Amino acid sequence: MTPRKRIAFAVVLALGASAPIAATVQAQQTRAAAAEAALKASPVSVVWMYSHSDGTAHIERQPLPPQLLPAESISYQVAMPGVPMPAINRDWHGAPYPRYIITLSGSSEMEVSGGAERKFIADTNHVLLADDVTGKGHRSIARPIGDKPWVTAYVKLDMSKIKRDAAGRLVLAGG
């Protein structure tokens, strides 16, 4: 338990809280600490695909943040193994709007138009933040990898609650 949490726990006891209340507080702190540790140990990361000033799309790998950006809507897509993806996905294109692309099962190879790292695998270990809304963009490489369908959730971000920071990253408007 961190010193700050120990102090909070001691204050609860000092104010005459009963043992059940103190136990509840400690249990909540334990759950919060476990969730924080799980987040740090999580194999899931965010791949931020963004429009670079040179007109190409680049990617940057980031740890999964404690809170994802607010969503406006969600849709799903299934790409079957052995079936080529529609031409729109194989050709260079940008995201129509900032959105998360979350792989629910399977995987697919993606390619961005610029940067040192150009190809990456979209799979269940990554949340793709598709933010390459201008420039040449990205493309999917032909079809899902392996024999499992590539099932994805497309989560449109609620841009009324989001702004860009000085580095161009999407952040909560209130933060």
Protein backbone atom coordinates (compact mmCIF):
# COMPACT_ATOMS: atom_id res chain seq x y z
CA MET A 1 0.00 0.00 0.00
CA THR A 2 1.38 3.41 -0.93
CA PRO A 3 2.02 5.99 1.82
CA ARG A 4 -0.89 8.09 0.54
CA LYS A 5 -3.27 5.14 0.74
CA ARG A 6 -1.96 4.21 4.19
CA ILE A 7 -2.69 7.75 5.38
CA ALA A 8 -6.21 7.63 3.92
CA PHE A 9 -6.79 4.29 5.62
CA ALA A 10 -5.48 5.67 8.95
CA VAL A 11 -7.76 8.72 8.65
CA VAL A 12 -10.78 6.46 8.16
CA LEU A 13 -9.80 4.52 11.29
CA ALA A 14 -9.05 7.69 13.29
CA LEU A 15 -12.46 9.14 12.50
CA GLY A 16 -14.01 6.21 14.28
CA ALA A 17 -15.00 4.16 11.27
CA SER A 18 -16.08 0.68 12.11
CA ALA A 19 -13.98 -2.31 11.13
CA PRO A 20 -16.36 -3.27 8.25
CA ILE A 21 -16.03 0.22 6.73
CA ALA A 22 -12.25 0.16 7.12
CA ALA A 23 -12.16 -3.30 5.53
CA THR A 24 -14.29 -2.03 2.62
CA VAL A 25 -11.93 0.92 2.08
CA GLN A 26 -8.91 -1.40 2.16
CA ALA A 27 -10.60 -3.83 -0.28
CA GLN A 28 -11.34 -0.95 -2.68
CA GLN A 29 -7.71 0.21 -2.49
CA THR A 30 -6.51 -3.35 -3.10
CA ARG A 31 -8.77 -3.69 -6.17
CA ALA A 32 -7.57 -0.32 -7.50
CA ALA A 33 -3.93 -1.32 -7.02
CA ALA A 34 -4.57 -4.67 -8.75
CA ALA A 35 -6.24 -2.92 -11.69
CA GLU A 36 -3.33 -0.46 -11.95
CA ALA A 37 -0.79 -3.34 -11.89
CA ALA A 38 -2.77 -5.27 -14.52
CA LEU A 39 -2.80 -2.21 -16.74
CA LYS A 40 0.97 -1.82 -16.48
CA ALA A 41 1.46 -5.53 -17.20
CA SER A 42 -1.09 -5.57 -20.01
CA PRO A 43 0.16 -6.97 -23.31
CA VAL A 44 -2.24 -4.63 -25.10
CA SER A 45 -0.83 -1.44 -26.57
CA VAL A 46 -2.10 1.40 -28.73
CA VAL A 47 -0.76 1.88 -32.25
CA TRP A 48 -1.37 5.53 -33.12
CA MET A 49 -1.58 5.90 -36.90
CA TYR A 50 -1.42 9.61 -37.67
CA SER A 51 -1.01 12.08 -40.53
CA HIS A 52 2.57 13.37 -40.65
CA SER A 53 3.50 16.84 -41.89
CA ASP A 54 5.18 15.24 -44.95
CA GLY A 55 1.77 14.04 -46.23
CA THR A 56 2.26 10.39 -45.27
CA ALA A 57 0.90 8.30 -42.41
CA HIS A 58 3.22 7.20 -39.60
CA ILE A 59 2.72 4.97 -36.59
CA GLU A 60 3.78 5.35 -32.98
CA ARG A 61 3.41 2.59 -30.40
CA GLN A 62 2.14 3.65 -26.98
CA PRO A 63 1.11 1.86 -23.78
CA LEU A 64 -2.61 1.43 -23.29
CA PRO A 65 -3.80 4.52 -21.40
CA PRO A 66 -5.90 4.15 -18.25
CA GLN A 67 -8.84 5.76 -20.05
CA LEU A 68 -9.67 5.54 -23.73
CA LEU A 69 -11.13 8.55 -25.53
CA PRO A 70 -14.95 8.95 -25.54
CA ALA A 71 -16.89 7.27 -28.33
CA GLU A 72 -19.80 8.42 -30.45
CA SER A 73 -20.73 5.17 -32.22
CA ILE A 74 -19.52 1.65 -32.96
CA SER A 75 -19.75 -0.65 -35.97
CA TYR A 76 -18.29 -4.05 -36.82
CA GLN A 77 -16.65 -5.72 -39.82
CA VAL A 78 -15.71 -9.31 -40.59
CA ALA A 79 -13.04 -10.13 -43.19
CA MET A 80 -12.94 -13.81 -44.10
CA PRO A 81 -9.69 -15.75 -44.65
CA GLY A 82 -8.89 -16.42 -48.29
CA VAL A 83 -11.23 -13.66 -49.46
CA PRO A 84 -9.47 -10.49 -50.65
CA MET A 85 -10.51 -7.35 -48.84
CA PRO A 86 -12.44 -4.73 -50.82
CA ALA A 87 -10.26 -2.55 -53.05
CA ILE A 88 -10.89 0.45 -50.78
CA ASN A 89 -8.96 -1.33 -48.01
CA ARG A 90 -6.12 -2.49 -50.29
CA ASP A 91 -5.61 0.95 -51.84
CA TRP A 92 -4.01 3.85 -49.96
CA HIS A 93 -6.61 5.70 -47.93
CA GLY A 94 -6.90 7.76 -44.78
CA ALA A 95 -9.29 7.18 -41.93
CA PRO A 96 -12.62 8.95 -42.62
CA TYR A 97 -12.48 10.38 -39.07
CA PRO A 98 -10.45 9.62 -35.93
CA ARG A 99 -11.47 6.21 -34.58
CA TYR A 100 -10.32 3.16 -32.70
CA ILE A 101 -10.08 -0.06 -34.67
CA ILE A 102 -10.18 -2.90 -32.18
CA THR A 103 -9.42 -6.42 -33.36
CA LEU A 104 -11.79 -8.83 -31.64
CA SER A 105 -10.34 -11.95 -33.31
CA GLY A 106 -7.90 -12.84 -36.03
CA SER A 107 -5.32 -10.47 -37.50
CA SER A 108 -4.38 -8.54 -40.63
CA GLU A 109 -1.24 -6.89 -41.90
CA MET A 110 -1.41 -3.11 -42.26
CA GLU A 111 0.98 -0.73 -43.99
CA VAL A 112 1.43 3.02 -43.54
CA SER A 113 2.78 5.30 -46.24
CA GLY A 114 5.71 6.78 -44.29
CA GLY A 115 7.98 6.54 -41.28
CA ALA A 116 10.65 4.11 -40.15
CA GLU A 117 8.19 1.35 -39.26
CA ARG A 118 5.80 0.86 -42.17
CA LYS A 119 4.17 -2.54 -41.64
CA PHE A 120 2.49 -3.84 -38.53
CA ILE A 121 0.07 -6.58 -37.54
CA ALA A 122 -3.39 -5.50 -36.39
CA ASP A 123 -4.39 -8.11 -33.81
CA THR A 124 -5.89 -8.54 -30.36
CA ASN A 125 -2.68 -7.25 -28.72
CA HIS A 126 -3.17 -3.76 -30.16
CA VAL A 127 -5.81 -1.08 -30.22
CA LEU A 128 -5.32 0.89 -33.43
CA LEU A 129 -6.02 4.62 -33.13
CA ALA A 130 -6.64 5.51 -36.80
CA ASP A 131 -5.99 9.24 -36.96
CA ASP A 132 -4.46 9.54 -40.45
CA VAL A 133 -7.34 11.68 -41.72
CA THR A 134 -5.25 13.64 -44.26
CA GLY A 135 -2.48 12.69 -46.70
CA LYS A 136 -1.72 9.34 -48.37
CA GLY A 137 -2.83 7.22 -45.43
CA HIS A 138 -2.58 3.46 -44.98
CA ARG A 139 -3.75 0.19 -46.51
CA SER A 140 -4.55 -3.35 -45.48
CA ILE A 141 -2.44 -6.03 -47.11
CA ALA A 142 -4.86 -8.17 -49.11
CA ARG A 143 -6.58 -10.41 -46.52
CA PRO A 144 -6.65 -11.66 -42.94
CA ILE A 145 -3.61 -13.62 -41.75
CA GLY A 146 -4.12 -17.33 -41.10
CA ASP A 147 -7.37 -19.25 -41.06
CA LYS A 148 -9.41 -17.10 -38.65
CA PRO A 149 -11.69 -14.25 -39.74
CA TRP A 150 -10.43 -10.77 -38.87
CA VAL A 151 -13.27 -9.36 -36.76
CA THR A 152 -12.98 -5.67 -35.92
CA ALA A 153 -14.93 -3.06 -34.03
CA TYR A 154 -14.75 0.48 -35.45
CA VAL A 155 -15.27 3.00 -32.66
CA LYS A 156 -15.94 6.54 -33.91
CA LEU A 157 -14.53 9.05 -31.45
CA ASP A 158 -16.71 11.80 -30.02
CA MET A 159 -14.71 14.80 -31.27
CA SER A 160 -16.90 17.22 -29.28
CA LYS A 161 -15.12 15.93 -26.14
CA ILE A 162 -11.61 15.66 -27.63
CA LYS A 163 -8.90 18.15 -28.58
CA ARG A 164 -5.33 17.93 -29.89
CA ASP A 165 -2.39 18.64 -27.61
CA ALA A 166 0.76 20.51 -28.71
CA ALA A 167 2.19 17.30 -30.23
CA GLY A 168 -1.00 16.69 -32.25
CA ARG A 169 -2.19 13.78 -30.11
CA LEU A 170 -5.87 13.39 -29.31
CA VAL A 171 -6.66 14.08 -25.63
CA LEU A 172 -9.77 14.72 -23.55
CA ALA A 173 -10.93 18.31 -24.02
CA GLY A 174 -11.25 18.83 -20.27
CA GLY A 175 -7.76 17.51 -19.49
